[in-house]
PDB file of N, CA and C in Angstrom:
ATOM      1  N   MET A   1       1.120 -34.460   4.725  1.00  0.00           N
ATOM      2  CA  MET A   1       0.350 -33.226   4.796  1.00  0.00           C
ATOM      3  C   MET A   1       0.797 -32.430   6.021  1.00  0.00           C
ATOM      4  N   PHE A   2       0.909 -31.126   5.839  1.00  0.00           N
ATOM      5  CA  PHE A   2       1.335 -30.226   6.912  1.00  0.00           C
ATOM      6  C   PHE A   2       0.265 -30.128   7.981  1.00  0.00           C
ATOM      7  N   ASN A   3       0.671 -30.202   9.253  1.00  0.00           N
ATOM      8  CA  ASN A   3      -0.240 -30.105  10.381  1.00  0.00           C
ATOM      9  C   ASN A   3       0.105 -28.851  11.188  1.00  0.00           C
ATOM     10  N   PRO A   4      -0.683 -27.756  11.050  1.00  0.00           N
ATOM     11  CA  PRO A   4      -0.343 -26.509  11.743  1.00  0.00           C
ATOM     12  C   PRO A   4      -0.474 -26.578  13.266  1.00  0.00           C
ATOM     13  N   SER A   5      -1.142 -27.606  13.780  1.00  0.00           N
ATOM     14  CA  SER A   5      -1.329 -27.692  15.228  1.00  0.00           C
ATOM     15  C   SER A   5      -0.016 -27.938  15.972  1.00  0.00           C
ATOM     16  N   ILE A   6       1.049 -28.300  15.276  1.00  0.00           N
ATOM     17  CA  ILE A   6       2.334 -28.536  15.945  1.00  0.00           C
ATOM     18  C   ILE A   6       3.107 -27.242  16.187  1.00  0.00           C
ATOM     19  N   LEU A   7       2.719 -26.156  15.516  1.00  0.00           N
ATOM     20  CA  LEU A   7       3.499 -24.923  15.571  1.00  0.00           C
ATOM     21  C   LEU A   7       3.486 -24.234  16.925  1.00  0.00           C
ATOM     22  N   PHE A   8       2.298 -23.877  17.428  1.00  0.00           N
ATOM     23  CA  PHE A   8       2.246 -23.089  18.659  1.00  0.00           C
ATOM     24  C   PHE A   8       2.791 -23.855  19.868  1.00  0.00           C
ATOM     25  N   PRO A   9       2.538 -25.161  20.029  1.00  0.00           N
ATOM     26  CA  PRO A   9       3.180 -25.863  21.154  1.00  0.00           C
ATOM     27  C   PRO A   9       4.710 -25.789  21.075  1.00  0.00           C
ATOM     28  N   ALA A  10       5.253 -25.877  19.870  1.00  0.00           N
ATOM     29  CA  ALA A  10       6.718 -25.769  19.724  1.00  0.00           C
ATOM     30  C   ALA A  10       7.184 -24.355  20.040  1.00  0.00           C
ATOM     31  N   PHE A  11       6.458 -23.346  19.552  1.00  0.00           N
ATOM     32  CA  PHE A  11       6.813 -21.955  19.847  1.00  0.00           C
ATOM     33  C   PHE A  11       6.711 -21.678  21.348  1.00  0.00           C
ATOM     34  N   GLN A  12       5.681 -22.223  21.968  1.00  0.00           N
ATOM     35  CA  GLN A  12       5.497 -22.008  23.410  1.00  0.00           C
ATOM     36  C   GLN A  12       6.627 -22.674  24.201  1.00  0.00           C
ATOM     37  N   ALA A  13       6.997 -23.883  23.819  1.00  0.00           N
ATOM     38  CA  ALA A  13       8.087 -24.597  24.495  1.00  0.00           C
ATOM     39  C   ALA A  13       9.406 -23.840  24.354  1.00  0.00           C
ATOM     40  N   ALA A  14       9.564 -23.111  23.254  1.00  0.00           N
ATOM     41  CA  ALA A  14      10.786 -22.337  23.028  1.00  0.00           C
ATOM     42  C   ALA A  14      10.716 -20.961  23.677  1.00  0.00           C
ATOM     43  N   GLY A  15       9.598 -20.634  24.345  1.00  0.00           N
ATOM     44  CA  GLY A  15       9.462 -19.350  25.025  1.00  0.00           C
ATOM     45  C   GLY A  15       9.177 -18.188  24.095  1.00  0.00           C
ATOM     46  N   MET A  16       8.567 -18.470  22.959  1.00  0.00           N
ATOM     47  CA  MET A  16       8.334 -17.431  21.956  1.00  0.00           C
ATOM     48  C   MET A  16       6.930 -16.833  22.008  1.00  0.00           C
ATOM     49  N   LEU A  17       6.055 -17.322  22.881  1.00  0.00           N
ATOM     50  CA  LEU A  17       4.672 -16.839  22.925  1.00  0.00           C
ATOM     51  C   LEU A  17       4.363 -16.192  24.261  1.00  0.00           C
ATOM     52  N   GLU A  18       3.359 -15.334  24.244  1.00  0.00           N
ATOM     53  CA  GLU A  18       2.834 -14.692  25.445  1.00  0.00           C
ATOM     54  C   GLU A  18       1.522 -15.400  25.793  1.00  0.00           C
ATOM     55  N   SER A  19       0.934 -15.058  26.931  1.00  0.00           N
ATOM     56  CA  SER A  19      -0.337 -15.626  27.350  1.00  0.00           C
ATOM     57  C   SER A  19      -1.393 -14.526  27.381  1.00  0.00           C
ATOM     58  N   ALA A  20      -2.575 -14.829  26.826  1.00  0.00           N
ATOM     59  CA  ALA A  20      -3.641 -13.831  26.771  1.00  0.00           C
ATOM     60  C   ALA A  20      -4.888 -14.319  27.484  1.00  0.00           C
ATOM     61  N   GLN A  21      -5.600 -13.351  28.031  1.00  0.00           N
ATOM     62  CA  GLN A  21      -6.923 -13.591  28.617  1.00  0.00           C
ATOM     63  C   GLN A  21      -7.881 -12.635  27.936  1.00  0.00           C
ATOM     64  N   PHE A  22      -8.943 -13.168  27.362  1.00  0.00           N
ATOM     65  CA  PHE A  22      -9.931 -12.364  26.648  1.00  0.00           C
ATOM     66  C   PHE A  22     -11.205 -12.243  27.467  1.00  0.00           C
ATOM     67  N   THR A  23     -11.749 -11.026  27.537  1.00  0.00           N
ATOM     68  CA  THR A  23     -13.053 -10.803  28.147  1.00  0.00           C
ATOM     69  C   THR A  23     -14.002 -10.411  27.030  1.00  0.00           C
ATOM     70  N   LEU A  24     -15.007 -11.243  26.811  1.00  0.00           N
ATOM     71  CA  LEU A  24     -15.957 -11.030  25.720  1.00  0.00           C
ATOM     72  C   LEU A  24     -17.064 -10.078  26.150  1.00  0.00           C
ATOM     73  N   GLY A  25     -17.887  -9.679  25.193  1.00  0.00           N
ATOM     74  CA  GLY A  25     -18.956  -8.719  25.444  1.00  0.00           C
ATOM     75  C   GLY A  25     -19.960  -9.179  26.484  1.00  0.00           C
ATOM     76  N   ASP A  26     -20.143 -10.489  26.634  1.00  0.00           N
ATOM     77  CA  ASP A  26     -21.088 -11.011  27.625  1.00  0.00           C
ATOM     78  C   ASP A  26     -20.423 -11.245  28.981  1.00  0.00           C
ATOM     79  N   SER A  27     -19.205 -10.726  29.155  1.00  0.00           N
ATOM     80  CA  SER A  27     -18.400 -10.830  30.378  1.00  0.00           C
ATOM     81  C   SER A  27     -17.795 -12.209  30.598  1.00  0.00           C
ATOM     82  N   SER A  28     -17.983 -13.139  29.664  1.00  0.00           N
ATOM     83  CA  SER A  28     -17.305 -14.423  29.802  1.00  0.00           C
ATOM     84  C   SER A  28     -15.817 -14.227  29.517  1.00  0.00           C
ATOM     85  N   VAL A  29     -14.995 -15.127  30.058  1.00  0.00           N
ATOM     86  CA  VAL A  29     -13.544 -14.983  29.974  1.00  0.00           C
ATOM     87  C   VAL A  29     -12.964 -16.252  29.338  1.00  0.00           C
ATOM     88  N   ILE A  30     -12.035 -16.056  28.430  1.00  0.00           N
ATOM     89  CA  ILE A  30     -11.255 -17.146  27.857  1.00  0.00           C
ATOM     90  C   ILE A  30      -9.818 -16.912  28.320  1.00  0.00           C
ATOM     91  N   SER A  31      -9.282 -17.841  29.107  1.00  0.00           N
ATOM     92  CA  SER A  31      -7.970 -17.648  29.723  1.00  0.00           C
ATOM     93  C   SER A  31      -6.885 -18.515  29.102  1.00  0.00           C
ATOM     94  N   ASP A  32      -5.649 -18.112  29.350  1.00  0.00           N
ATOM     95  CA  ASP A  32      -4.453 -18.891  29.008  1.00  0.00           C
ATOM     96  C   ASP A  32      -4.376 -19.267  27.531  1.00  0.00           C
ATOM     97  N   VAL A  33      -4.613 -18.297  26.662  1.00  0.00           N
ATOM     98  CA  VAL A  33      -4.502 -18.522  25.227  1.00  0.00           C
ATOM     99  C   VAL A  33      -3.091 -18.093  24.789  1.00  0.00           C
ATOM    100  N   PRO A  34      -2.308 -19.016  24.244  1.00  0.00           N
ATOM    101  CA  PRO A  34      -0.978 -18.632  23.747  1.00  0.00           C
ATOM    102  C   PRO A  34      -1.124 -17.730  22.514  1.00  0.00           C
ATOM    103  N   VAL A  35      -0.388 -16.624  22.508  1.00  0.00           N
ATOM    104  CA  VAL A  35      -0.456 -15.680  21.388  1.00  0.00           C
ATOM    105  C   VAL A  35       0.940 -15.237  20.981  1.00  0.00           C
ATOM    106  N   GLY A  36       1.075 -14.990  19.702  1.00  0.00           N
ATOM    107  CA  GLY A  36       2.250 -14.327  19.201  1.00  0.00           C
ATOM    108  C   GLY A  36       1.959 -12.837  19.182  1.00  0.00           C
ATOM    109  N   TYR A  37       2.757 -12.048  19.844  1.00  0.00           N
ATOM    110  CA  TYR A  37       2.520 -10.603  19.973  1.00  0.00           C
ATOM    111  C   TYR A  37       3.520  -9.843  19.104  1.00  0.00           C
ATOM    112  N   ARG A  38       3.010  -8.864  18.380  1.00  0.00           N
ATOM    113  CA  ARG A  38       3.863  -7.967  17.590  1.00  0.00           C
ATOM    114  C   ARG A  38       3.563  -6.547  18.028  1.00  0.00           C
ATOM    115  N   LYS A  39       4.623  -5.778  18.275  1.00  0.00           N
ATOM    116  CA  LYS A  39       4.465  -4.413  18.747  1.00  0.00           C
ATOM    117  C   LYS A  39       4.786  -3.422  17.636  1.00  0.00           C
ATOM    118  N   PRO A  40       4.356  -2.180  17.799  1.00  0.00           N
ATOM    119  CA  PRO A  40       4.691  -1.157  16.801  1.00  0.00           C
ATOM    120  C   PRO A  40       6.202  -1.036  16.640  1.00  0.00           C
ATOM    121  N   GLY A  41       6.620  -0.845  15.405  1.00  0.00           N
ATOM    122  CA  GLY A  41       8.031  -0.684  15.103  1.00  0.00           C
ATOM    123  C   GLY A  41       8.731  -1.961  14.706  1.00  0.00           C
ATOM    124  N   GLU A  42       8.122  -3.121  14.967  1.00  0.00           N
ATOM    125  CA  GLU A  42       8.747  -4.373  14.550  1.00  0.00           C
ATOM    126  C   GLU A  42       8.699  -4.475  13.028  1.00  0.00           C
ATOM    127  N   ILE A  43       9.756  -4.981  12.454  1.00  0.00           N
ATOM    128  CA  ILE A  43       9.852  -5.107  11.009  1.00  0.00           C
ATOM    129  C   ILE A  43       9.218  -6.435  10.581  1.00  0.00           C
ATOM    130  N   GLU A  44       8.357  -6.359   9.584  1.00  0.00           N
ATOM    131  CA  GLU A  44       7.719  -7.552   9.025  1.00  0.00           C
ATOM    132  C   GLU A  44       8.623  -8.184   7.979  1.00  0.00           C
ATOM    133  N   PHE A  45       8.234  -9.338   7.464  1.00  0.00           N
ATOM    134  CA  PHE A  45       9.011 -10.041   6.449  1.00  0.00           C
ATOM    135  C   PHE A  45       9.194  -9.223   5.181  1.00  0.00           C
ATOM    136  N   ASP A  46       8.254  -8.334   4.884  1.00  0.00           N
ATOM    137  CA  ASP A  46       8.367  -7.520   3.672  1.00  0.00           C
ATOM    138  C   ASP A  46       9.242  -6.280   3.885  1.00  0.00           C
ATOM    139  N   GLY A  47       9.821  -6.153   5.087  1.00  0.00           N
ATOM    140  CA  GLY A  47      10.717  -5.036   5.375  1.00  0.00           C
ATOM    141  C   GLY A  47      10.020  -3.785   5.871  1.00  0.00           C
ATOM    142  N   VAL A  48       8.706  -3.835   5.995  1.00  0.00           N
ATOM    143  CA  VAL A  48       7.927  -2.682   6.452  1.00  0.00           C
ATOM    144  C   VAL A  48       7.687  -2.798   7.954  1.00  0.00           C
ATOM    145  N   GLY A  49       7.799  -1.691   8.669  1.00  0.00           N
ATOM    146  CA  GLY A  49       7.569  -1.687  10.109  1.00  0.00           C
ATOM    147  C   GLY A  49       6.091  -1.655  10.462  1.00  0.00           C
ATOM    148  N   ARG A  50       5.736  -2.290  11.557  1.00  0.00           N
ATOM    149  CA  ARG A  50       4.352  -2.290  12.058  1.00  0.00           C
ATOM    150  C   ARG A  50       4.046  -0.914  12.635  1.00  0.00           C
ATOM    151  N   ASN A  51       2.805  -0.497  12.544  1.00  0.00           N
ATOM    152  CA  ASN A  51       2.398   0.745  13.196  1.00  0.00           C
ATOM    153  C   ASN A  51       1.300   0.500  14.227  1.00  0.00           C
ATOM    154  N   ASP A  52       1.065  -0.757  14.568  1.00  0.00           N
ATOM    155  CA  ASP A  52       0.050  -1.086  15.560  1.00  0.00           C
ATOM    156  C   ASP A  52       0.464  -2.333  16.338  1.00  0.00           C
ATOM    157  N   HIS A  53      -0.285  -2.607  17.403  1.00  0.00           N
ATOM    158  CA  HIS A  53      -0.109  -3.831  18.170  1.00  0.00           C
ATOM    159  C   HIS A  53      -0.942  -4.910  17.479  1.00  0.00           C
ATOM    160  N   GLN A  54      -0.465  -6.150  17.500  1.00  0.00           N
ATOM    161  CA  GLN A  54      -1.192  -7.227  16.838  1.00  0.00           C
ATOM    162  C   GLN A  54      -0.876  -8.548  17.533  1.00  0.00           C
ATOM    163  N   ILE A  55      -1.860  -9.435  17.559  1.00  0.00           N
ATOM    164  CA  ILE A  55      -1.604 -10.787  18.054  1.00  0.00           C
ATOM    165  C   ILE A  55      -2.067 -11.789  17.010  1.00  0.00           C
ATOM    166  N   GLU A  56      -1.455 -12.961  17.080  1.00  0.00           N
ATOM    167  CA  GLU A  56      -1.876 -14.104  16.266  1.00  0.00           C
ATOM    168  C   GLU A  56      -2.088 -15.257  17.235  1.00  0.00           C
ATOM    169  N   TYR A  57      -3.132 -16.055  17.006  1.00  0.00           N
ATOM    170  CA  TYR A  57      -3.483 -17.137  17.919  1.00  0.00           C
ATOM    171  C   TYR A  57      -4.187 -18.246  17.140  1.00  0.00           C
ATOM    172  N   GLU A  58      -4.302 -19.416  17.763  1.00  0.00           N
ATOM    173  CA  GLU A  58      -5.065 -20.504  17.159  1.00  0.00           C
ATOM    174  C   GLU A  58      -6.541 -20.140  17.268  1.00  0.00           C
ATOM    175  N   THR A  59      -7.209 -20.045  16.143  1.00  0.00           N
ATOM    176  CA  THR A  59      -8.596 -19.576  16.082  1.00  0.00           C
ATOM    177  C   THR A  59      -9.517 -20.336  17.040  1.00  0.00           C
ATOM    178  N   ALA A  60      -9.379 -21.639  17.114  1.00  0.00           N
ATOM    179  CA  ALA A  60     -10.268 -22.458  17.948  1.00  0.00           C
ATOM    180  C   ALA A  60     -10.089 -22.205  19.445  1.00  0.00           C
ATOM    181  N   LYS A  61      -8.963 -21.638  19.854  1.00  0.00           N
ATOM    182  CA  LYS A  61      -8.703 -21.379  21.283  1.00  0.00           C
ATOM    183  C   LYS A  61      -9.464 -20.164  21.807  1.00  0.00           C
ATOM    184  N   ALA A  62      -9.905 -19.278  20.910  1.00  0.00           N
ATOM    185  CA  ALA A  62     -10.611 -18.063  21.345  1.00  0.00           C
ATOM    186  C   ALA A  62     -11.707 -17.721  20.331  1.00  0.00           C
ATOM    187  N   PRO A  63     -12.753 -18.539  20.280  1.00  0.00           N
ATOM    188  CA  PRO A  63     -13.836 -18.260  19.331  1.00  0.00           C
ATOM    189  C   PRO A  63     -14.688 -17.081  19.794  1.00  0.00           C
ATOM    190  N   GLY A  64     -15.292 -16.410  18.866  1.00  0.00           N
ATOM    191  CA  GLY A  64     -16.251 -15.364  19.193  1.00  0.00           C
ATOM    192  C   GLY A  64     -15.670 -14.010  19.519  1.00  0.00           C
ATOM    193  N   LEU A  65     -14.401 -13.769  19.237  1.00  0.00           N
ATOM    194  CA  LEU A  65     -13.828 -12.451  19.517  1.00  0.00           C
ATOM    195  C   LEU A  65     -14.407 -11.421  18.558  1.00  0.00           C
ATOM    196  N   ARG A  66     -14.615 -10.201  19.068  1.00  0.00           N
ATOM    197  CA  ARG A  66     -15.181  -9.110  18.277  1.00  0.00           C
ATOM    198  C   ARG A  66     -14.495  -7.792  18.635  1.00  0.00           C
ATOM    199  N   VAL A  67     -14.665  -6.820  17.781  1.00  0.00           N
ATOM    200  CA  VAL A  67     -14.162  -5.461  18.040  1.00  0.00           C
ATOM    201  C   VAL A  67     -14.599  -5.028  19.432  1.00  0.00           C
ATOM    202  N   GLY A  68     -13.689  -4.437  20.170  1.00  0.00           N
ATOM    203  CA  GLY A  68     -14.003  -3.908  21.495  1.00  0.00           C
ATOM    204  C   GLY A  68     -13.756  -4.857  22.645  1.00  0.00           C
ATOM    205  N   ASN A  69     -13.637  -6.171  22.373  1.00  0.00           N
ATOM    206  CA  ASN A  69     -13.338  -7.110  23.457  1.00  0.00           C
ATOM    207  C   ASN A  69     -12.015  -6.727  24.115  1.00  0.00           C
ATOM    208  N   LEU A  70     -11.915  -7.002  25.392  1.00  0.00           N
ATOM    209  CA  LEU A  70     -10.707  -6.714  26.160  1.00  0.00           C
ATOM    210  C   LEU A  70      -9.771  -7.909  26.121  1.00  0.00           C
ATOM    211  N   VAL A  71      -8.469  -7.647  25.989  1.00  0.00           N
ATOM    212  CA  VAL A  71      -7.472  -8.696  26.087  1.00  0.00           C
ATOM    213  C   VAL A  71      -6.371  -8.225  27.035  1.00  0.00           C
ATOM    214  N   ARG A  72      -6.043  -9.067  27.980  1.00  0.00           N
ATOM    215  CA  ARG A  72      -4.916  -8.811  28.891  1.00  0.00           C
ATOM    216  C   ARG A  72      -3.814  -9.780  28.494  1.00  0.00           C
ATOM    217  N   ILE A  73      -2.668  -9.232  28.143  1.00  0.00           N
ATOM    218  CA  ILE A  73      -1.531 -10.050  27.754  1.00  0.00           C
ATOM    219  C   ILE A  73      -0.541 -10.087  28.911  1.00  0.00           C
ATOM    220  N   THR A  74      -0.165 -11.299  29.288  1.00  0.00           N
ATOM    221  CA  THR A  74       0.891 -11.499  30.278  1.00  0.00           C
ATOM    222  C   THR A  74       2.141 -11.857  29.498  1.00  0.00           C
ATOM    223  N   PHE A  75       3.132 -10.999  29.598  1.00  0.00           N
ATOM    224  CA  PHE A  75       4.370 -11.189  28.852  1.00  0.00           C
ATOM    225  C   PHE A  75       5.297 -12.142  29.592  1.00  0.00           C
ATOM    226  N   ARG A  76       6.331 -12.596  28.912  1.00  0.00           N
ATOM    227  CA  ARG A  76       7.271 -13.569  29.487  1.00  0.00           C
ATOM    228  C   ARG A  76       7.941 -13.047  30.742  1.00  0.00           C
ATOM    229  N   ASP A  77       8.096 -11.731  30.871  1.00  0.00           N
ATOM    230  CA  ASP A  77       8.709 -11.158  32.080  1.00  0.00           C
ATOM    231  C   ASP A  77       7.683 -10.967  33.200  1.00  0.00           C
ATOM    232  N   GLN A  78       6.464 -11.496  32.993  1.00  0.00           N
ATOM    233  CA  GLN A  78       5.351 -11.469  33.953  1.00  0.00           C
ATOM    234  C   GLN A  78       4.668 -10.120  34.085  1.00  0.00           C
ATOM    235  N   THR A  79       5.017  -9.141  33.267  1.00  0.00           N
ATOM    236  CA  THR A  79       4.259  -7.897  33.241  1.00  0.00           C
ATOM    237  C   THR A  79       2.990  -8.137  32.445  1.00  0.00           C
ATOM    238  N   THR A  80       1.969  -7.324  32.718  1.00  0.00           N
ATOM    239  CA  THR A  80       0.721  -7.439  31.971  1.00  0.00           C
ATOM    240  C   THR A  80       0.384  -6.102  31.335  1.00  0.00           C
ATOM    241  N   ARG A  81      -0.392  -6.178  30.272  1.00  0.00           N
ATOM    242  CA  ARG A  81      -0.843  -4.973  29.596  1.00  0.00           C
ATOM    243  C   ARG A  81      -2.216  -5.250  29.000  1.00  0.00           C
ATOM    244  N   ASP A  82      -3.115  -4.275  29.131  1.00  0.00           N
ATOM    245  CA  ASP A  82      -4.478  -4.427  28.630  1.00  0.00           C
ATOM    246  C   ASP A  82      -4.645  -3.728  27.281  1.00  0.00           C
ATOM    247  N   PHE A  83      -5.394  -4.386  26.394  1.00  0.00           N
ATOM    248  CA  PHE A  83      -5.699  -3.874  25.070  1.00  0.00           C
ATOM    249  C   PHE A  83      -7.162  -4.118  24.763  1.00  0.00           C
ATOM    250  N   ARG A  84      -7.650  -3.441  23.732  1.00  0.00           N
ATOM    251  CA  ARG A  84      -8.965  -3.723  23.160  1.00  0.00           C
ATOM    252  C   ARG A  84      -8.761  -4.120  21.703  1.00  0.00           C
ATOM    253  N   LEU A  85      -9.627  -4.987  21.208  1.00  0.00           N
ATOM    254  CA  LEU A  85      -9.560  -5.371  19.812  1.00  0.00           C
ATOM    255  C   LEU A  85     -10.021  -4.223  18.940  1.00  0.00           C
ATOM    256  N   MET A  86      -9.173  -3.821  17.993  1.00  0.00           N
ATOM    257  CA  MET A  86      -9.495  -2.732  17.052  1.00  0.00           C
ATOM    258  C   MET A  86     -10.288  -3.241  15.853  1.00  0.00           C
ATOM    259  N   SER A  87     -10.258  -4.533  15.637  1.00  0.00           N
ATOM    260  CA  SER A  87     -10.913  -5.127  14.476  1.00  0.00           C
ATOM    261  C   SER A  87     -11.393  -6.518  14.864  1.00  0.00           C
ATOM    262  N   ASP A  88     -12.294  -7.034  14.073  1.00  0.00           N
ATOM    263  CA  ASP A  88     -12.629  -8.441  14.229  1.00  0.00           C
ATOM    264  C   ASP A  88     -11.409  -9.249  13.779  1.00  0.00           C
ATOM    265  N   PRO A  89     -11.214 -10.439  14.329  1.00  0.00           N
ATOM    266  CA  PRO A  89     -10.087 -11.264  13.900  1.00  0.00           C
ATOM    267  C   PRO A  89     -10.192 -11.620  12.417  1.00  0.00           C
ATOM    268  N   LEU A  90      -9.044 -11.695  11.779  1.00  0.00           N
ATOM    269  CA  LEU A  90      -8.970 -12.089  10.367  1.00  0.00           C
ATOM    270  C   LEU A  90      -8.281 -13.440  10.277  1.00  0.00           C
ATOM    271  N   PRO A  91      -8.866 -14.380   9.535  1.00  0.00           N
ATOM    272  CA  PRO A  91      -8.217 -15.675   9.389  1.00  0.00           C
ATOM    273  C   PRO A  91      -6.931 -15.560   8.582  1.00  0.00           C
ATOM    274  N   VAL A  92      -5.964 -16.359   8.970  1.00  0.00           N
ATOM    275  CA  VAL A  92      -4.706 -16.456   8.236  1.00  0.00           C
ATOM    276  C   VAL A  92      -4.787 -17.722   7.393  1.00  0.00           C
ATOM    277  N   SER A  93      -4.609 -17.605   6.116  1.00  0.00           N
ATOM    278  CA  SER A  93      -4.607 -18.736   5.186  1.00  0.00           C
ATOM    279  C   SER A  93      -5.895 -19.559   5.340  1.00  0.00           C
ATOM    280  N   ASP A  94      -5.777 -20.785   5.837  1.00  0.00           N
ATOM    281  CA  ASP A  94      -6.949 -21.664   5.923  1.00  0.00           C
ATOM    282  C   ASP A  94      -7.798 -21.415   7.166  1.00  0.00           C
ATOM    283  N   GLY A  95      -7.416 -20.457   8.012  1.00  0.00           N
ATOM    284  CA  GLY A  95      -8.199 -20.110   9.192  1.00  0.00           C
ATOM    285  C   GLY A  95      -7.808 -20.817  10.469  1.00  0.00           C
ATOM    286  N   PHE A  96      -6.794 -21.683  10.428  1.00  0.00           N
ATOM    287  CA  PHE A  96      -6.357 -22.337  11.658  1.00  0.00           C
ATOM    288  C   PHE A  96      -5.857 -21.298  12.657  1.00  0.00           C
ATOM    289  N   PHE A  97      -5.197 -20.264  12.139  1.00  0.00           N
ATOM    290  CA  PHE A  97      -4.745 -19.136  12.954  1.00  0.00           C
ATOM    291  C   PHE A  97      -5.531 -17.890  12.576  1.00  0.00           C
ATOM    292  N   SER A  98      -5.632 -16.956  13.509  1.00  0.00           N
ATOM    293  CA  SER A  98      -6.251 -15.659  13.250  1.00  0.00           C
ATOM    294  C   SER A  98      -5.336 -14.561  13.770  1.00  0.00           C
ATOM    295  N   ARG A  99      -5.464 -13.381  13.169  1.00  0.00           N
ATOM    296  CA  ARG A  99      -4.743 -12.186  13.617  1.00  0.00           C
ATOM    297  C   ARG A  99      -5.756 -11.107  13.935  1.00  0.00           C
ATOM    298  N   VAL A 100      -5.379 -10.264  14.890  1.00  0.00           N
ATOM    299  CA  VAL A 100      -6.241  -9.146  15.251  1.00  0.00           C
ATOM    300  C   VAL A 100      -5.381  -7.968  15.673  1.00  0.00           C
ATOM    301  N   ARG A 101      -5.806  -6.785  15.277  1.00  0.00           N
ATOM    302  CA  ARG A 101      -5.123  -5.545  15.660  1.00  0.00           C
ATOM    303  C   ARG A 101      -5.664  -5.084  17.011  1.00  0.00           C
ATOM    304  N   LEU A 102      -4.761  -4.510  17.812  1.00  0.00           N
ATOM    305  CA  LEU A 102      -5.111  -4.091  19.173  1.00  0.00           C
ATOM    306  C   LEU A 102      -4.804  -2.609  19.375  1.00  0.00           C
ATOM    307  N   THR A 103      -5.507  -2.017  20.332  1.00  0.00           N
ATOM    308  CA  THR A 103      -5.208  -0.674  20.785  1.00  0.00           C
ATOM    309  C   THR A 103      -5.101  -0.713  22.311  1.00  0.00           C
ATOM    310  N   PRO A 104      -4.161   0.034  22.902  1.00  0.00           N
ATOM    311  CA  PRO A 104      -4.055   0.032  24.370  1.00  0.00           C
ATOM    312  C   PRO A 104      -5.379   0.429  25.010  1.00  0.00           C
ATOM    313  N   ALA A 105      -5.734  -0.285  26.094  1.00  0.00           N
ATOM    314  CA  ALA A 105      -7.004  -0.019  26.779  1.00  0.00           C
ATOM    315  C   ALA A 105      -6.824   1.079  27.808  1.00  0.00           C
TER     316      ALA A 105
END
């Protein structure tokens, strides 16, 4: 049986993920969440370009995210950028991973 929990540690070890810090509506913070970041203009598997910022993450690492929450992404080059969630997270397939659209804060 396929175990999705092996994916993000492997991606992180290969330097393919960014680090996110989420600030929730109650001001609590969830730090050091590995995320896959997609920027506008990136081509998806279907050949269509993205028109928004988006992240994918392990759902259990950042429970309770909602529209409007703040996310600070630290990129591999150590630059940071702040975003707000444009939508509630959507589960991917069985829900082990979630995706969310972002807008610059």
